[in-house]
Amino acid sequence: MIEPSEKGGDYVTVVTLDNYQHYRHWEESHERHQLLEQTKEISAGDIRSEQFVGLYHFLGNRDKRWPPDWRMVIIAYFAIWPDVVELQPLLF
């Protein structure tokens, strides 16, 4: 659970599961529904649920389209470029 950074902000609970079947099991579980009911009792009743899959959340792209080009350039630079530079001397 992540506390709000500002007064009156939203609390955020992050649930990470290893595969889709476990996610579906958790979404449909009795335990989850009980926890949501308990949360409604102590909150103002405004509970939202959002699902992010893969890198969409990391890239800030909530509508699940391909990320903007400038973000892909940054990812390529920091993720791919160092590998190429370090592996090149080993290959030649």
C-alpha atoms as a PDB file:
ATOM      1  CA  MET A   1       0.000   0.000   0.000  1.00  0.00           C
ATOM      2  CA  ILE A   2       1.320   3.408  -0.975  1.00  0.00           C
ATOM      3  CA  GLU A   3       0.242   6.377   1.098  1.00  0.00           C
ATOM      4  CA  PRO A   4      -0.732   9.607  -0.671  1.00  0.00           C
ATOM      5  CA  SER A   5       2.036  12.161  -1.097  1.00  0.00           C
ATOM      6  CA  GLU A   6      -0.336  15.048  -0.546  1.00  0.00           C
ATOM      7  CA  LYS A   7      -3.079  15.634   2.000  1.00  0.00           C
ATOM      8  CA  GLY A   8      -6.377  14.220   0.794  1.00  0.00           C
ATOM      9  CA  GLY A   9      -4.740  12.147  -1.935  1.00  0.00           C
ATOM     10  CA  ASP A  10      -5.522   8.556  -2.828  1.00  0.00           C
ATOM     11  CA  TYR A  11      -4.010   5.471  -1.268  1.00  0.00           C
ATOM     12  CA  VAL A  12      -2.729   3.004  -3.854  1.00  0.00           C
ATOM     13  CA  THR A  13      -2.471  -0.756  -3.476  1.00  0.00           C
ATOM     14  CA  VAL A  14      -0.296  -2.562  -5.996  1.00  0.00           C
ATOM     15  CA  VAL A  15      -0.867  -6.262  -6.620  1.00  0.00           C
ATOM     16  CA  THR A  16       1.588  -8.101  -8.853  1.00  0.00           C
ATOM     17  CA  LEU A  17       0.936 -11.656  -9.985  1.00  0.00           C
ATOM     18  CA  ASP A  18       3.068 -13.997 -12.061  1.00  0.00           C
ATOM     19  CA  ASN A  19       0.515 -15.087 -14.667  1.00  0.00           C
ATOM     20  CA  TYR A  20      -2.965 -14.412 -15.977  1.00  0.00           C
ATOM     21  CA  GLN A  21      -4.572 -17.469 -14.370  1.00  0.00           C
ATOM     22  CA  HIS A  22      -3.433 -16.348 -10.916  1.00  0.00           C
ATOM     23  CA  TYR A  23      -4.716 -12.857 -11.662  1.00  0.00           C
ATOM     24  CA  ARG A  24      -8.148 -14.192 -12.630  1.00  0.00           C
ATOM     25  CA  HIS A  25      -8.219 -16.383  -9.515  1.00  0.00           C
ATOM     26  CA  TRP A  26      -7.411 -13.345  -7.331  1.00  0.00           C
ATOM     27  CA  GLU A  27      -9.972 -11.127  -9.074  1.00  0.00           C
ATOM     28  CA  GLU A  28     -12.739 -13.677  -8.520  1.00  0.00           C
ATOM     29  CA  SER A  29     -11.700 -14.787  -5.039  1.00  0.00           C
ATOM     30  CA  HIS A  30     -13.939 -14.479  -2.000  1.00  0.00           C
ATOM     31  CA  GLU A  31     -11.021 -13.054  -0.008  1.00  0.00           C
ATOM     32  CA  ARG A  32     -10.598 -10.119  -2.415  1.00  0.00           C
ATOM     33  CA  HIS A  33     -14.312  -9.307  -2.311  1.00  0.00           C
ATOM     34  CA  GLN A  34     -14.246  -9.360   1.499  1.00  0.00           C
ATOM     35  CA  LEU A  35     -11.252  -7.004   1.541  1.00  0.00           C
ATOM     36  CA  LEU A  36     -13.035  -4.612  -0.818  1.00  0.00           C
ATOM     37  CA  GLU A  37     -16.134  -4.608   1.394  1.00  0.00           C
ATOM     38  CA  GLN A  38     -14.006  -3.867   4.477  1.00  0.00           C
ATOM     39  CA  THR A  39     -12.313  -1.049   2.596  1.00  0.00           C
ATOM     40  CA  LYS A  40     -15.674   0.463   1.605  1.00  0.00           C
ATOM     41  CA  GLU A  41     -16.685   0.553   5.261  1.00  0.00           C
ATOM     42  CA  ILE A  42     -13.693   2.680   6.297  1.00  0.00           C
ATOM     43  CA  SER A  43     -13.441   4.849   3.168  1.00  0.00           C
ATOM     44  CA  ALA A  44     -15.728   7.354   1.549  1.00  0.00           C
ATOM     45  CA  GLY A  45     -16.879   4.559  -0.763  1.00  0.00           C
ATOM     46  CA  ASP A  46     -14.892   5.828  -3.753  1.00  0.00           C
ATOM     47  CA  ILE A  47     -12.881   2.731  -4.704  1.00  0.00           C
ATOM     48  CA  ARG A  48     -11.470   2.415  -8.215  1.00  0.00           C
ATOM     49  CA  SER A  49      -9.715  -0.514  -9.777  1.00  0.00           C
ATOM     50  CA  GLU A  50      -7.369  -0.268 -12.758  1.00  0.00           C
ATOM     51  CA  GLN A  51      -5.431  -3.026 -14.480  1.00  0.00           C
ATOM     52  CA  PHE A  52      -2.075  -2.473 -16.179  1.00  0.00           C
ATOM     53  CA  VAL A  53      -0.349  -5.219 -18.122  1.00  0.00           C
ATOM     54  CA  GLY A  54       3.291  -5.355 -19.150  1.00  0.00           C
ATOM     55  CA  LEU A  55       5.251  -2.144 -19.589  1.00  0.00           C
ATOM     56  CA  TYR A  56       2.229   0.037 -20.336  1.00  0.00           C
ATOM     57  CA  HIS A  57       2.112   1.347 -16.778  1.00  0.00           C
ATOM     58  CA  PHE A  58       5.862   1.956 -16.686  1.00  0.00           C
ATOM     59  CA  LEU A  59       5.662   3.889 -19.933  1.00  0.00           C
ATOM     60  CA  GLY A  60       2.688   5.915 -18.714  1.00  0.00           C
ATOM     61  CA  ASN A  61       0.451   4.766 -21.538  1.00  0.00           C
ATOM     62  CA  ARG A  62      -2.870   3.843 -19.960  1.00  0.00           C
ATOM     63  CA  ASP A  63      -4.825   3.440 -23.183  1.00  0.00           C
ATOM     64  CA  LYS A  64      -2.561   0.504 -24.188  1.00  0.00           C
ATOM     65  CA  ARG A  65      -1.280   1.937 -27.446  1.00  0.00           C
ATOM     66  CA  TRP A  66       2.359   1.798 -28.464  1.00  0.00           C
ATOM     67  CA  PRO A  67       4.445   4.271 -26.432  1.00  0.00           C
ATOM     68  CA  PRO A  68       5.524   7.585 -27.956  1.00  0.00           C
ATOM     69  CA  ASP A  69       8.695   7.553 -30.036  1.00  0.00           C
ATOM     70  CA  TRP A  70      10.698   9.679 -27.604  1.00  0.00           C
ATOM     71  CA  ARG A  71      10.123   7.151 -24.805  1.00  0.00           C
ATOM     72  CA  MET A  72      11.195   4.294 -27.037  1.00  0.00           C
ATOM     73  CA  VAL A  73      14.397   6.193 -27.876  1.00  0.00           C
ATOM     74  CA  ILE A  74      15.159   6.600 -24.170  1.00  0.00           C
ATOM     75  CA  ILE A  75      14.488   2.909 -23.512  1.00  0.00           C
ATOM     76  CA  ALA A  76      16.646   1.875 -26.450  1.00  0.00           C
ATOM     77  CA  TYR A  77      19.455   4.149 -25.355  1.00  0.00           C
ATOM     78  CA  PHE A  78      19.562   2.946 -21.744  1.00  0.00           C
ATOM     79  CA  ALA A  79      18.670  -0.706 -22.324  1.00  0.00           C
ATOM     80  CA  ILE A  80      20.116  -1.664 -25.683  1.00  0.00           C
ATOM     81  CA  TRP A  81      23.029   0.712 -26.321  1.00  0.00           C
ATOM     82  CA  PRO A  82      25.109  -0.366 -23.271  1.00  0.00           C
ATOM     83  CA  ASP A  83      24.721  -4.019 -24.262  1.00  0.00           C
ATOM     84  CA  VAL A  84      25.893  -3.340 -27.804  1.00  0.00           C
ATOM     85  CA  VAL A  85      28.876  -1.286 -26.647  1.00  0.00           C
ATOM     86  CA  GLU A  86      29.958  -3.885 -24.083  1.00  0.00           C
ATOM     87  CA  LEU A  87      29.441  -6.919 -26.326  1.00  0.00           C
ATOM     88  CA  GLN A  88      31.153  -5.508 -29.410  1.00  0.00           C
ATOM     89  CA  PRO A  89      34.736  -5.966 -28.087  1.00  0.00           C
ATOM     90  CA  LEU A  90      33.931  -9.547 -27.111  1.00  0.00           C
ATOM     91  CA  LEU A  91      32.648 -10.429 -30.573  1.00  0.00           C
ATOM     92  CA  PHE A  92      35.448  -8.879 -32.639  1.00  0.00           C
END
